[in-house]
Amino acid sequence: MVDDSRPSPSDFLTEDQVFGGRQTLEYSSNGDGLLSSTILAWKPDPDLELLFNYIWREQDNQVDSNGDEIGNSAFELPSYLAKATYSFESIWLSCSRQM
């Protein structure tokens, strides 16, 4: 099963907030892996919600349990998500771009 749901600005804002976000930083020692995830949510109008998410991952080649380097396990992967949702009356329109 694949979950194709994407976060919404309301997932990161309380009812009375206009702007908010979350920052996550991670490190893994095998391969010196780094991860940074930034989420910004903005609700400039009660009917308009905007969300931006940028994730950057990087790691060098990993080492197996025998101490041997695992070839081609290094990577650098940036990705982003931009989403806008506009609602009026009981209808809402949502547009997102993910890479």
N, C-alpha and C. Protein backbone atom coordinates (compact mmCIF):
# COMPACT_ATOMS: atom_id res chain seq x y z
N MET A 1 0.84 -1.18 0.00
CA MET A 1 0.00 0.00 0.00
C MET A 1 0.89 1.24 0.00
N VAL A 2 0.55 2.20 -0.82
CA VAL A 2 1.30 3.45 -0.91
C VAL A 2 0.43 4.57 -0.36
N ASP A 3 0.99 5.35 0.57
CA ASP A 3 0.28 6.49 1.14
C ASP A 3 0.65 7.72 0.34
N ASP A 4 -0.30 8.26 -0.40
CA ASP A 4 -0.05 9.43 -1.25
C ASP A 4 -0.55 10.72 -0.60
N SER A 5 -0.85 10.68 0.69
CA SER A 5 -1.32 11.90 1.35
C SER A 5 -0.13 12.84 1.57
N ARG A 6 -0.41 14.10 1.46
CA ARG A 6 0.62 15.12 1.67
C ARG A 6 0.21 15.99 2.84
N PRO A 7 1.17 16.51 3.59
CA PRO A 7 0.81 17.35 4.73
C PRO A 7 0.12 18.63 4.28
N SER A 8 -0.68 19.17 5.18
CA SER A 8 -1.37 20.43 4.94
C SER A 8 -0.85 21.47 5.92
N PRO A 9 -0.94 22.75 5.58
CA PRO A 9 -0.52 23.78 6.53
C PRO A 9 -1.23 23.66 7.87
N SER A 10 -2.49 23.27 7.86
CA SER A 10 -3.24 23.14 9.11
C SER A 10 -2.66 22.05 10.02
N ASP A 11 -1.85 21.14 9.46
CA ASP A 11 -1.16 20.13 10.28
C ASP A 11 -0.10 20.76 11.18
N PHE A 12 0.35 21.96 10.83
CA PHE A 12 1.45 22.61 11.55
C PHE A 12 1.05 23.91 12.22
N LEU A 13 -0.21 24.33 12.06
CA LEU A 13 -0.69 25.58 12.65
C LEU A 13 -1.86 25.32 13.59
N THR A 14 -1.89 26.07 14.69
CA THR A 14 -3.08 26.02 15.54
C THR A 14 -4.13 26.91 14.90
N GLU A 15 -5.33 26.88 15.45
CA GLU A 15 -6.43 27.62 14.85
C GLU A 15 -6.16 29.12 14.70
N ASP A 16 -5.47 29.71 15.67
CA ASP A 16 -5.24 31.16 15.64
C ASP A 16 -3.86 31.55 15.10
N GLN A 17 -3.06 30.60 14.65
CA GLN A 17 -1.74 30.91 14.10
C GLN A 17 -1.84 31.27 12.62
N VAL A 18 -0.97 32.19 12.18
CA VAL A 18 -0.90 32.58 10.78
C VAL A 18 0.35 31.98 10.13
N PHE A 19 1.43 31.83 10.90
CA PHE A 19 2.70 31.34 10.37
C PHE A 19 3.33 30.38 11.37
N GLY A 20 3.93 29.32 10.86
CA GLY A 20 4.61 28.38 11.74
C GLY A 20 5.48 27.45 10.93
N GLY A 21 6.15 26.56 11.63
CA GLY A 21 7.01 25.63 10.92
C GLY A 21 7.65 24.62 11.84
N ARG A 22 8.51 23.80 11.25
CA ARG A 22 9.22 22.77 12.00
C ARG A 22 10.55 22.51 11.31
N GLN A 23 11.59 22.33 12.10
CA GLN A 23 12.92 22.02 11.58
C GLN A 23 13.39 20.72 12.22
N THR A 24 13.88 19.79 11.40
CA THR A 24 14.40 18.52 11.89
C THR A 24 15.82 18.35 11.37
N LEU A 25 16.73 17.96 12.26
CA LEU A 25 18.11 17.66 11.89
C LEU A 25 18.44 16.26 12.40
N GLU A 26 19.08 15.45 11.56
CA GLU A 26 19.47 14.09 11.96
C GLU A 26 20.88 13.80 11.49
N TYR A 27 21.55 12.90 12.21
CA TYR A 27 22.89 12.45 11.85
C TYR A 27 22.97 10.95 12.07
N SER A 28 23.63 10.24 11.15
CA SER A 28 23.90 8.81 11.34
C SER A 28 25.40 8.59 11.18
N SER A 29 25.98 7.81 12.07
CA SER A 29 27.43 7.65 12.10
C SER A 29 27.97 6.76 10.98
N ASN A 30 27.22 5.76 10.54
CA ASN A 30 27.69 4.89 9.46
C ASN A 30 27.46 5.62 8.13
N GLY A 31 28.53 6.10 7.55
CA GLY A 31 28.44 6.85 6.30
C GLY A 31 28.31 8.34 6.52
N ASP A 32 28.44 8.78 7.78
CA ASP A 32 28.31 10.21 8.10
C ASP A 32 27.08 10.81 7.42
N GLY A 33 25.92 10.21 7.64
CA GLY A 33 24.68 10.67 7.02
C GLY A 33 24.11 11.90 7.69
N LEU A 34 23.65 12.83 6.90
CA LEU A 34 23.02 14.05 7.39
C LEU A 34 21.65 14.21 6.76
N LEU A 35 20.71 14.73 7.54
CA LEU A 35 19.38 15.02 7.04
C LEU A 35 18.92 16.34 7.63
N SER A 36 18.34 17.18 6.81
CA SER A 36 17.73 18.42 7.25
C SER A 36 16.36 18.53 6.59
N SER A 37 15.34 18.76 7.39
CA SER A 37 13.98 18.92 6.87
C SER A 37 13.40 20.22 7.42
N THR A 38 12.96 21.10 6.54
CA THR A 38 12.36 22.37 6.93
C THR A 38 10.94 22.44 6.39
N ILE A 39 9.99 22.71 7.26
CA ILE A 39 8.59 22.87 6.87
C ILE A 39 8.13 24.25 7.31
N LEU A 40 7.58 25.01 6.37
CA LEU A 40 7.01 26.32 6.66
C LEU A 40 5.55 26.31 6.24
N ALA A 41 4.68 26.78 7.12
CA ALA A 41 3.25 26.85 6.85
C ALA A 41 2.79 28.29 7.05
N TRP A 42 1.92 28.76 6.16
CA TRP A 42 1.45 30.15 6.22
C TRP A 42 -0.02 30.17 5.84
N LYS A 43 -0.80 30.88 6.64
CA LYS A 43 -2.23 31.03 6.36
C LYS A 43 -2.54 32.53 6.37
N PRO A 44 -2.26 33.22 5.23
CA PRO A 44 -2.43 34.67 5.20
C PRO A 44 -3.89 35.11 5.20
N ASP A 45 -4.79 34.17 4.91
CA ASP A 45 -6.22 34.46 4.82
C ASP A 45 -6.96 33.22 5.33
N PRO A 46 -8.13 33.36 5.93
CA PRO A 46 -8.84 32.17 6.42
C PRO A 46 -9.12 31.13 5.32
N ASP A 47 -9.15 31.56 4.07
CA ASP A 47 -9.45 30.64 2.98
C ASP A 47 -8.22 30.15 2.22
N LEU A 48 -7.05 30.67 2.52
CA LEU A 48 -5.83 30.32 1.78
C LEU A 48 -4.77 29.76 2.72
N GLU A 49 -4.24 28.59 2.37
CA GLU A 49 -3.17 27.96 3.14
C GLU A 49 -2.01 27.63 2.20
N LEU A 50 -0.79 27.92 2.64
CA LEU A 50 0.41 27.64 1.85
C LEU A 50 1.39 26.82 2.68
N LEU A 51 2.05 25.87 2.03
CA LEU A 51 3.01 25.02 2.72
C LEU A 51 4.23 24.82 1.83
N PHE A 52 5.41 24.87 2.43
CA PHE A 52 6.65 24.57 1.72
C PHE A 52 7.48 23.63 2.59
N ASN A 53 7.99 22.56 1.98
CA ASN A 53 8.83 21.60 2.68
C ASN A 53 10.06 21.31 1.83
N TYR A 54 11.26 21.45 2.43
CA TYR A 54 12.51 21.15 1.74
C TYR A 54 13.26 20.13 2.58
N ILE A 55 13.70 19.04 1.94
CA ILE A 55 14.46 18.00 2.63
C ILE A 55 15.77 17.78 1.88
N TRP A 56 16.86 17.69 2.63
CA TRP A 56 18.17 17.43 2.04
C TRP A 56 18.79 16.28 2.82
N ARG A 57 19.19 15.24 2.09
CA ARG A 57 19.84 14.07 2.69
C ARG A 57 21.18 13.85 1.98
N GLU A 58 22.17 13.47 2.77
CA GLU A 58 23.49 13.19 2.21
C GLU A 58 24.17 12.13 3.08
N GLN A 59 24.89 11.23 2.42
CA GLN A 59 25.68 10.25 3.16
C GLN A 59 26.83 9.76 2.29
N ASP A 60 27.94 9.42 2.92
CA ASP A 60 29.06 8.79 2.24
C ASP A 60 28.80 7.29 2.18
N ASN A 61 29.69 6.55 1.54
CA ASN A 61 29.55 5.10 1.50
C ASN A 61 29.50 4.52 2.91
N GLN A 62 28.63 3.57 3.13
CA GLN A 62 28.51 2.92 4.43
C GLN A 62 29.49 1.77 4.54
N VAL A 63 29.65 1.26 5.75
CA VAL A 63 30.55 0.15 6.04
C VAL A 63 29.71 -0.99 6.62
N ASP A 64 29.95 -2.24 6.14
CA ASP A 64 29.19 -3.37 6.67
C ASP A 64 29.76 -3.84 8.01
N SER A 65 29.19 -4.90 8.57
CA SER A 65 29.60 -5.38 9.90
C SER A 65 31.02 -5.94 9.93
N ASN A 66 31.60 -6.26 8.76
CA ASN A 66 32.99 -6.73 8.69
C ASN A 66 33.97 -5.58 8.52
N GLY A 67 33.45 -4.36 8.41
CA GLY A 67 34.32 -3.21 8.21
C GLY A 67 34.61 -2.90 6.76
N ASP A 68 33.96 -3.64 5.85
CA ASP A 68 34.17 -3.41 4.41
C ASP A 68 33.21 -2.33 3.91
N GLU A 69 33.74 -1.47 3.05
CA GLU A 69 32.91 -0.40 2.48
C GLU A 69 31.87 -0.98 1.52
N ILE A 70 30.66 -0.47 1.62
CA ILE A 70 29.58 -0.87 0.71
C ILE A 70 29.58 0.11 -0.45
N GLY A 71 29.98 -0.38 -1.61
CA GLY A 71 30.08 0.49 -2.78
C GLY A 71 28.73 1.05 -3.22
N ASN A 72 28.77 2.22 -3.78
CA ASN A 72 27.57 2.89 -4.30
C ASN A 72 26.48 3.11 -3.26
N SER A 73 26.85 3.23 -1.99
CA SER A 73 25.84 3.51 -0.98
C SER A 73 25.83 5.00 -0.61
N ALA A 74 26.70 5.78 -1.23
CA ALA A 74 26.72 7.23 -1.00
C ALA A 74 25.64 7.90 -1.84
N PHE A 75 25.09 8.97 -1.31
CA PHE A 75 24.08 9.70 -2.07
C PHE A 75 23.92 11.12 -1.55
N GLU A 76 23.32 11.96 -2.37
CA GLU A 76 22.88 13.30 -1.98
C GLU A 76 21.53 13.50 -2.64
N LEU A 77 20.49 13.65 -1.82
CA LEU A 77 19.12 13.70 -2.33
C LEU A 77 18.36 14.92 -1.81
N PRO A 78 18.23 15.95 -2.60
CA PRO A 78 17.34 17.04 -2.19
C PRO A 78 15.92 16.75 -2.69
N SER A 79 14.92 17.20 -1.97
CA SER A 79 13.54 17.10 -2.43
C SER A 79 12.74 18.25 -1.83
N TYR A 80 11.64 18.56 -2.48
CA TYR A 80 10.81 19.64 -1.96
C TYR A 80 9.34 19.35 -2.24
N LEU A 81 8.50 20.05 -1.50
CA LEU A 81 7.05 20.00 -1.70
C LEU A 81 6.53 21.42 -1.51
N ALA A 82 5.75 21.89 -2.45
CA ALA A 82 5.05 23.17 -2.33
C ALA A 82 3.57 22.89 -2.51
N LYS A 83 2.74 23.43 -1.62
CA LYS A 83 1.31 23.14 -1.68
C LYS A 83 0.52 24.40 -1.35
N ALA A 84 -0.54 24.63 -2.11
CA ALA A 84 -1.45 25.74 -1.85
C ALA A 84 -2.87 25.19 -1.84
N THR A 85 -3.66 25.63 -0.89
CA THR A 85 -5.06 25.21 -0.80
C THR A 85 -5.92 26.46 -0.61
N TYR A 86 -6.95 26.57 -1.43
CA TYR A 86 -7.90 27.68 -1.32
C TYR A 86 -9.30 27.09 -1.17
N SER A 87 -10.03 27.59 -0.20
CA SER A 87 -11.38 27.08 0.02
C SER A 87 -12.38 28.24 0.01
N PHE A 88 -13.54 27.96 -0.53
CA PHE A 88 -14.63 28.92 -0.47
C PHE A 88 -15.93 28.14 -0.32
N GLU A 89 -16.74 28.58 0.63
CA GLU A 89 -17.97 27.89 1.00
C GLU A 89 -17.62 26.43 1.30
N SER A 90 -18.21 25.48 0.64
CA SER A 90 -17.93 24.07 0.95
C SER A 90 -17.02 23.42 -0.10
N ILE A 91 -16.41 24.23 -0.95
CA ILE A 91 -15.53 23.72 -2.00
C ILE A 91 -14.10 24.15 -1.69
N TRP A 92 -13.14 23.23 -1.87
CA TRP A 92 -11.73 23.62 -1.71
C TRP A 92 -10.93 23.11 -2.89
N LEU A 93 -9.95 23.90 -3.27
CA LEU A 93 -9.04 23.56 -4.36
C LEU A 93 -7.64 23.43 -3.79
N SER A 94 -6.94 22.40 -4.20
CA SER A 94 -5.58 22.18 -3.69
C SER A 94 -4.66 21.87 -4.87
N CYS A 95 -3.50 22.46 -4.82
CA CYS A 95 -2.50 22.23 -5.87
C CYS A 95 -1.16 21.98 -5.17
N SER A 96 -0.43 20.96 -5.59
CA SER A 96 0.87 20.70 -4.97
C SER A 96 1.86 20.27 -6.04
N ARG A 97 3.13 20.49 -5.73
CA ARG A 97 4.23 20.09 -6.60
C ARG A 97 5.27 19.45 -5.72
N GLN A 98 5.65 18.23 -6.07
CA GLN A 98 6.62 17.50 -5.28
C GLN A 98 7.72 16.99 -6.19
N MET A 99 8.93 17.06 -5.71
CA MET A 99 10.07 16.53 -6.47
C MET A 99 11.02 15.85 -5.52
